[in-house]
């Protein structure tokens, strides 16, 4: 009987091992599934809490934005921005007007003074007229160099935008050189 008991014991242990191995695989599946459910549940709870906090923040922001004091300040800020834009437009217009004034031709005593003080001793004026931003000067001199030097002196003053002359002519009877000089004022043609 001992042998039969031994076989029964061996058979019991063999069946128990099979069931134990079956149960251990099932246990692992249940444990993994349980852990996943716990993680999913924890993440769902976290999302629910975050959602509640966000809804609370949204209601606070809506109440802040819709506050009459904030609306008053916002309209005041918008009015200030419009005023700033109008001031910037006015500033651009003033700058444009200033540019026009800077480019405008001004004929006063300064060009005449420069024409007079730059003149060499041997050069005399015959006539002077102003037309369309240009001063036309008819001069006479004893030598051709006097006339050329006068034109160079006028160019070096940099008061005129352009100083030019088309040459000179000589009068034998008067023993003098004649020339016409054209001085374009700054801001002129």
C-alpha atoms as a PDB file:
ATOM      1  CA  UNK A   1       0.000   0.000   0.000  1.00  0.00           C
ATOM      2  CA  UNK A   2       2.845   2.190   0.443  1.00  0.00           C
ATOM      3  CA  UNK A   3       3.623   2.079  -3.204  1.00  0.00           C
ATOM      4  CA  UNK A   4       0.097   3.027  -4.037  1.00  0.00           C
ATOM      5  CA  UNK A   5       0.237   5.849  -1.537  1.00  0.00           C
ATOM      6  CA  UNK A   6       3.443   6.972  -3.134  1.00  0.00           C
ATOM      7  CA  UNK A   7       1.854   6.957  -6.566  1.00  0.00           C
ATOM      8  CA  UNK A   8      -1.097   8.885  -5.259  1.00  0.00           C
ATOM      9  CA  UNK A   9       1.207  11.367  -3.624  1.00  0.00           C
ATOM     10  CA  UNK A  10       3.219  11.703  -6.835  1.00  0.00           C
ATOM     11  CA  UNK A  11      -0.001  12.047  -8.789  1.00  0.00           C
ATOM     12  CA  UNK A  12      -1.307  14.648  -6.343  1.00  0.00           C
ATOM     13  CA  UNK A  13       1.929  16.622  -6.562  1.00  0.00           C
ATOM     14  CA  UNK A  14       1.867  16.427 -10.349  1.00  0.00           C
ATOM     15  CA  UNK A  15      -1.716  17.682 -10.519  1.00  0.00           C
ATOM     16  CA  UNK A  16      -0.997  20.348  -7.954  1.00  0.00           C
ATOM     17  CA  UNK A  17       2.043  21.553  -9.984  1.00  0.00           C
ATOM     18  CA  UNK A  18      -0.071  21.801 -13.115  1.00  0.00           C
ATOM     19  CA  UNK A  19      -2.800  23.701 -11.316  1.00  0.00           C
ATOM     20  CA  UNK A  20      -0.222  25.870  -9.586  1.00  0.00           C
ATOM     21  CA  UNK A  21       1.430  26.713 -12.881  1.00  0.00           C
ATOM     22  CA  UNK A  22      -1.983  27.445 -14.376  1.00  0.00           C
ATOM     23  CA  UNK A  23      -2.891  29.631 -11.476  1.00  0.00           C
ATOM     24  CA  UNK A  24       0.425  31.451 -11.598  1.00  0.00           C
ATOM     25  CA  UNK A  25      -0.075  32.451 -15.286  1.00  0.00           C
ATOM     26  CA  UNK A  26      -3.607  33.591 -14.546  1.00  0.00           C
ATOM     27  CA  UNK A  27      -2.412  35.442 -11.491  1.00  0.00           C
ATOM     28  CA  UNK A  28       0.168  37.310 -13.573  1.00  0.00           C
ATOM     29  CA  UNK A  29      -2.507  38.306 -16.099  1.00  0.00           C
ATOM     30  CA  UNK A  30      -4.815  39.492 -13.328  1.00  0.00           C
ATOM     31  CA  UNK A  31      -2.005  41.395 -11.639  1.00  0.00           C
ATOM     32  CA  UNK A  32      -0.989  43.149 -14.896  1.00  0.00           C
ATOM     33  CA  UNK A  33      -4.628  43.909 -15.668  1.00  0.00           C
ATOM     34  CA  UNK A  34      -5.155  45.199 -12.134  1.00  0.00           C
ATOM     35  CA  UNK A  35      -2.087  47.458 -12.356  1.00  0.00           C
ATOM     36  CA  UNK A  36      -3.265  48.836 -15.702  1.00  0.00           C
ATOM     37  CA  UNK A  37      -6.717  49.509 -14.298  1.00  0.00           C
ATOM     38  CA  UNK A  38      -5.177  51.269 -11.298  1.00  0.00           C
ATOM     39  CA  UNK A  39      -2.976  53.418 -13.576  1.00  0.00           C
ATOM     40  CA  UNK A  40      -5.929  54.233 -15.815  1.00  0.00           C
ATOM     41  CA  UNK A  41      -8.038  55.103 -12.802  1.00  0.00           C
ATOM     42  CA  UNK A  42      -5.310  57.298 -11.310  1.00  0.00           C
ATOM     43  CA  UNK A  43      -4.785  59.088 -14.638  1.00  0.00           C
ATOM     44  CA  UNK A  44      -8.557  59.579 -15.011  1.00  0.00           C
ATOM     45  CA  UNK A  45      -8.722  61.075 -11.525  1.00  0.00           C
ATOM     46  CA  UNK A  46      -5.795  63.395 -12.353  1.00  0.00           C
ATOM     47  CA  UNK A  47      -7.512  64.521 -15.562  1.00  0.00           C
ATOM     48  CA  UNK A  48     -10.768  65.125 -13.705  1.00  0.00           C
ATOM     49  CA  UNK A  49      -8.958  67.260 -11.109  1.00  0.00           C
ATOM     50  CA  UNK A  50      -7.122  69.201 -13.847  1.00  0.00           C
ATOM     51  CA  UNK A  51     -10.399  69.742 -15.684  1.00  0.00           C
ATOM     52  CA  UNK A  52     -12.053  71.067 -12.538  1.00  0.00           C
ATOM     53  CA  UNK A  53      -9.116  73.422 -11.891  1.00  0.00           C
ATOM     54  CA  UNK A  54      -9.195  74.672 -15.486  1.00  0.00           C
ATOM     55  CA  UNK A  55     -12.927  75.311 -15.303  1.00  0.00           C
ATOM     56  CA  UNK A  56     -12.351  77.257 -12.104  1.00  0.00           C
ATOM     57  CA  UNK A  57      -9.569  79.303 -13.778  1.00  0.00           C
ATOM     58  CA  UNK A  58     -11.799  79.965 -16.791  1.00  0.00           C
ATOM     59  CA  UNK A  59     -14.620  81.261 -14.622  1.00  0.00           C
ATOM     60  CA  UNK A  60     -12.170  83.485 -12.717  1.00  0.00           C
ATOM     61  CA  UNK A  61     -10.791  84.870 -15.997  1.00  0.00           C
ATOM     62  CA  UNK A  62     -14.274  85.465 -17.376  1.00  0.00           C
ATOM     63  CA  UNK A  63     -15.286  87.330 -14.242  1.00  0.00           C
ATOM     64  CA  UNK A  64     -12.064  89.378 -14.431  1.00  0.00           C
ATOM     65  CA  UNK A  65     -12.540  90.231 -18.107  1.00  0.00           C
ATOM     66  CA  UNK A  66     -16.213  91.102 -17.641  1.00  0.00           C
ATOM     67  CA  UNK A  67     -15.518  93.265 -14.584  1.00  0.00           C
ATOM     68  CA  UNK A  68     -16.829  96.827 -15.253  1.00  0.00           C
ATOM     69  CA  UNK A  69     -13.642  98.403 -13.852  1.00  0.00           C
ATOM     70  CA  UNK A  70     -11.501  96.372 -16.241  1.00  0.00           C
ATOM     71  CA  UNK A  71     -13.787  97.240 -19.161  1.00  0.00           C
ATOM     72  CA  UNK A  72     -13.467 100.940 -18.290  1.00  0.00           C
ATOM     73  CA  UNK A  73      -9.672 100.676 -18.163  1.00  0.00           C
ATOM     74  CA  UNK A  74      -9.635  98.758 -21.447  1.00  0.00           C
ATOM     75  CA  UNK A  75     -11.703 101.416 -23.209  1.00  0.00           C
ATOM     76  CA  UNK A  76      -9.391 104.091 -21.767  1.00  0.00           C
ATOM     77  CA  UNK A  77      -6.351 102.199 -23.101  1.00  0.00           C
ATOM     78  CA  UNK A  78      -7.996 101.876 -26.536  1.00  0.00           C
ATOM     79  CA  UNK A  79      -8.670 105.620 -26.557  1.00  0.00           C
ATOM     80  CA  UNK A  80      -5.019 106.281 -25.650  1.00  0.00           C
ATOM     81  CA  UNK A  81      -3.864 104.047 -28.504  1.00  0.00           C
ATOM     82  CA  UNK A  82      -6.081 105.960 -30.944  1.00  0.00           C
ATOM     83  CA  UNK A  83      -4.699 109.256 -29.636  1.00  0.00           C
ATOM     84  CA  UNK A  84      -1.136 107.963 -30.031  1.00  0.00           C
ATOM     85  CA  UNK A  85      -1.872 106.920 -33.625  1.00  0.00           C
ATOM     86  CA  UNK A  86      -3.310 110.369 -34.378  1.00  0.00           C
ATOM     87  CA  UNK A  87      -0.261 112.037 -32.829  1.00  0.00           C
ATOM     88  CA  UNK A  88       2.040 109.827 -34.925  1.00  0.00           C
ATOM     89  CA  UNK A  89       0.123 110.822 -38.072  1.00  0.00           C
ATOM     90  CA  UNK A  90       0.405 114.490 -37.101  1.00  0.00           C
ATOM     91  CA  UNK A  91       4.126 114.037 -36.471  1.00  0.00           C
ATOM     92  CA  UNK A  92       4.582 112.545 -39.939  1.00  0.00           C
ATOM     93  CA  UNK A  93       2.687 115.459 -41.466  1.00  0.00           C
ATOM     94  CA  UNK A  94       4.825 117.963 -39.544  1.00  0.00           C
ATOM     95  CA  UNK A  95       8.003 116.164 -40.664  1.00  0.00           C
ATOM     96  CA  UNK A  96       6.737 116.261 -44.243  1.00  0.00           C
ATOM     97  CA  UNK A  97       6.057 119.992 -43.946  1.00  0.00           C
ATOM     98  CA  UNK A  98       9.522 120.527 -42.438  1.00  0.00           C
ATOM     99  CA  UNK A  99      11.070 118.618 -45.345  1.00  0.00           C
ATOM    100  CA  UNK A 100       9.234 120.889 -47.780  1.00  0.00           C
ATOM    101  CA  UNK A 101      10.459 123.986 -45.941  1.00  0.00           C
ATOM    102  CA  UNK A 102      14.028 122.673 -45.916  1.00  0.00           C
ATOM    103  CA  UNK A 103      13.896 122.035 -49.655  1.00  0.00           C
ATOM    104  CA  UNK A 104      12.162 125.306 -50.477  1.00  0.00           C
ATOM    105  CA  UNK A 105      14.245 127.946 -52.179  1.00  0.00           C
ATOM    106  CA  UNK A 106      14.955 130.916 -49.967  1.00  0.00           C
ATOM    107  CA  UNK A 107      16.197 134.055 -51.575  1.00  0.00           C
ATOM    108  CA  UNK A 108      17.295 136.642 -49.068  1.00  0.00           C
ATOM    109  CA  UNK A 109      20.364 138.760 -48.457  1.00  0.00           C
ATOM    110  CA  UNK A 110      22.631 135.744 -47.772  1.00  0.00           C
ATOM    111  CA  UNK A 111      23.228 134.770 -51.442  1.00  0.00           C
ATOM    112  CA  UNK A 112      23.890 138.412 -52.333  1.00  0.00           C
ATOM    113  CA  UNK A 113      26.332 138.735 -49.436  1.00  0.00           C
ATOM    114  CA  UNK A 114      28.145 135.555 -50.498  1.00  0.00           C
ATOM    115  CA  UNK A 115      28.281 136.753 -54.106  1.00  0.00           C
ATOM    116  CA  UNK A 116      29.718 140.070 -52.950  1.00  0.00           C
ATOM    117  CA  UNK A 117      32.297 138.760 -50.421  1.00  0.00           C
ATOM    118  CA  UNK A 118      33.555 136.001 -52.725  1.00  0.00           C
ATOM    119  CA  UNK A 119      34.197 138.484 -55.519  1.00  0.00           C
ATOM    120  CA  UNK A 120      37.863 139.248 -56.316  1.00  0.00           C
ATOM    121  CA  UNK A 121      38.930 142.898 -56.387  1.00  0.00           C
ATOM    122  CA  UNK A 122      39.216 142.985 -60.190  1.00  0.00           C
ATOM    123  CA  UNK A 123      35.697 141.606 -60.794  1.00  0.00           C
ATOM    124  CA  UNK A 124      32.678 143.916 -61.050  1.00  0.00           C
ATOM    125  CA  UNK A 125      28.962 143.183 -61.280  1.00  0.00           C
ATOM    126  CA  UNK A 126      27.141 144.317 -64.381  1.00  0.00           C
ATOM    127  CA  UNK A 127      23.734 142.887 -63.456  1.00  0.00           C
ATOM    128  CA  UNK A 128      22.075 140.397 -61.140  1.00  0.00           C
ATOM    129  CA  UNK A 129      18.619 138.823 -61.322  1.00  0.00           C
ATOM    130  CA  UNK A 130      16.716 136.049 -59.603  1.00  0.00           C
ATOM    131  CA  UNK A 131      14.383 133.642 -61.378  1.00  0.00           C
ATOM    132  CA  UNK A 132      13.093 130.132 -60.546  1.00  0.00           C
ATOM    133  CA  UNK A 133      15.560 129.443 -57.733  1.00  0.00           C
ATOM    134  CA  UNK A 134      18.562 130.662 -59.742  1.00  0.00           C
ATOM    135  CA  UNK A 135      20.617 133.809 -59.400  1.00  0.00           C
ATOM    136  CA  UNK A 136      22.060 134.950 -62.729  1.00  0.00           C
ATOM    137  CA  UNK A 137      25.026 137.280 -62.396  1.00  0.00           C
ATOM    138  CA  UNK A 138      26.671 139.140 -65.271  1.00  0.00           C
ATOM    139  CA  UNK A 139      30.249 140.115 -64.376  1.00  0.00           C
ATOM    140  CA  UNK A 140      33.266 141.741 -65.916  1.00  0.00           C
ATOM    141  CA  UNK A 141      36.924 141.338 -64.999  1.00  0.00           C
ATOM    142  CA  UNK A 142      40.411 142.434 -66.077  1.00  0.00           C
ATOM    143  CA  UNK A 143      41.721 138.905 -66.638  1.00  0.00           C
ATOM    144  CA  UNK A 144      40.197 135.536 -67.516  1.00  0.00           C
ATOM    145  CA  UNK A 145      41.696 134.117 -64.316  1.00  0.00           C
ATOM    146  CA  UNK A 146      39.688 136.597 -62.228  1.00  0.00           C
ATOM    147  CA  UNK A 147      36.437 135.256 -63.669  1.00  0.00           C
ATOM    148  CA  UNK A 148      37.477 131.587 -63.275  1.00  0.00           C
ATOM    149  CA  UNK A 149      38.681 132.212 -59.706  1.00  0.00           C
ATOM    150  CA  UNK A 150      35.376 133.873 -58.845  1.00  0.00           C
ATOM    151  CA  UNK A 151      33.426 130.834 -60.081  1.00  0.00           C
ATOM    152  CA  UNK A 152      35.713 128.502 -58.089  1.00  0.00           C
ATOM    153  CA  UNK A 153      35.274 130.600 -54.941  1.00  0.00           C
ATOM    154  CA  UNK A 154      31.495 130.456 -55.304  1.00  0.00           C
ATOM    155  CA  UNK A 155      31.615 126.668 -55.748  1.00  0.00           C
ATOM    156  CA  UNK A 156      33.758 126.272 -52.609  1.00  0.00           C
ATOM    157  CA  UNK A 157      31.262 128.159 -50.431  1.00  0.00           C
ATOM    158  CA  UNK A 158      28.853 125.217 -50.840  1.00  0.00           C
ATOM    159  CA  UNK A 159      26.026 127.687 -50.314  1.00  0.00           C
ATOM    160  CA  UNK A 160      24.786 127.108 -53.836  1.00  0.00           C
ATOM    161  CA  UNK A 161      23.568 123.798 -55.156  1.00  0.00           C
ATOM    162  CA  UNK A 162      25.308 124.413 -58.459  1.00  0.00           C
ATOM    163  CA  UNK A 163      27.530 127.182 -59.835  1.00  0.00           C
ATOM    164  CA  UNK A 164      28.185 127.202 -63.561  1.00  0.00           C
ATOM    165  CA  UNK A 165      29.175 129.492 -66.354  1.00  0.00           C
ATOM    166  CA  UNK A 166      29.504 128.918 -70.081  1.00  0.00           C
ATOM    167  CA  UNK A 167      32.829 130.677 -70.497  1.00  0.00           C
ATOM    168  CA  UNK A 168      33.753 134.293 -71.041  1.00  0.00           C
ATOM    169  CA  UNK A 169      34.159 136.758 -73.892  1.00  0.00           C
ATOM    170  CA  UNK A 170      36.779 139.450 -74.379  1.00  0.00           C
ATOM    171  CA  UNK A 171      36.016 143.045 -75.436  1.00  0.00           C
ATOM    172  CA  UNK A 172      39.085 144.637 -77.110  1.00  0.00           C
ATOM    173  CA  UNK A 173      37.817 148.195 -76.921  1.00  0.00           C
ATOM    174  CA  UNK A 174      37.230 148.008 -73.132  1.00  0.00           C
ATOM    175  CA  UNK A 175      40.105 145.579 -72.507  1.00  0.00           C
ATOM    176  CA  UNK A 176      37.803 143.488 -70.253  1.00  0.00           C
ATOM    177  CA  UNK A 177      36.430 139.945 -69.987  1.00  0.00           C
ATOM    178  CA  UNK A 178      32.679 139.350 -69.695  1.00  0.00           C
ATOM    179  CA  UNK A 179      30.859 136.282 -68.299  1.00  0.00           C
ATOM    180  CA  UNK A 180      27.453 135.159 -67.085  1.00  0.00           C
ATOM    181  CA  UNK A 181      27.335 132.961 -63.971  1.00  0.00           C
ATOM    182  CA  UNK A 182      24.330 130.879 -62.966  1.00  0.00           C
ATOM    183  CA  UNK A 183      24.043 130.034 -59.251  1.00  0.00           C
ATOM    184  CA  UNK A 184      21.310 127.535 -58.312  1.00  0.00           C
ATOM    185  CA  UNK A 185      20.192 128.017 -54.707  1.00  0.00           C
ATOM    186  CA  UNK A 186      19.929 125.072 -52.277  1.00  0.00           C
ATOM    187  CA  UNK A 187      16.480 123.539 -52.613  1.00  0.00           C
ATOM    188  CA  UNK A 188      16.143 124.839 -56.132  1.00  0.00           C
ATOM    189  CA  UNK A 189      16.096 123.008 -59.431  1.00  0.00           C
END
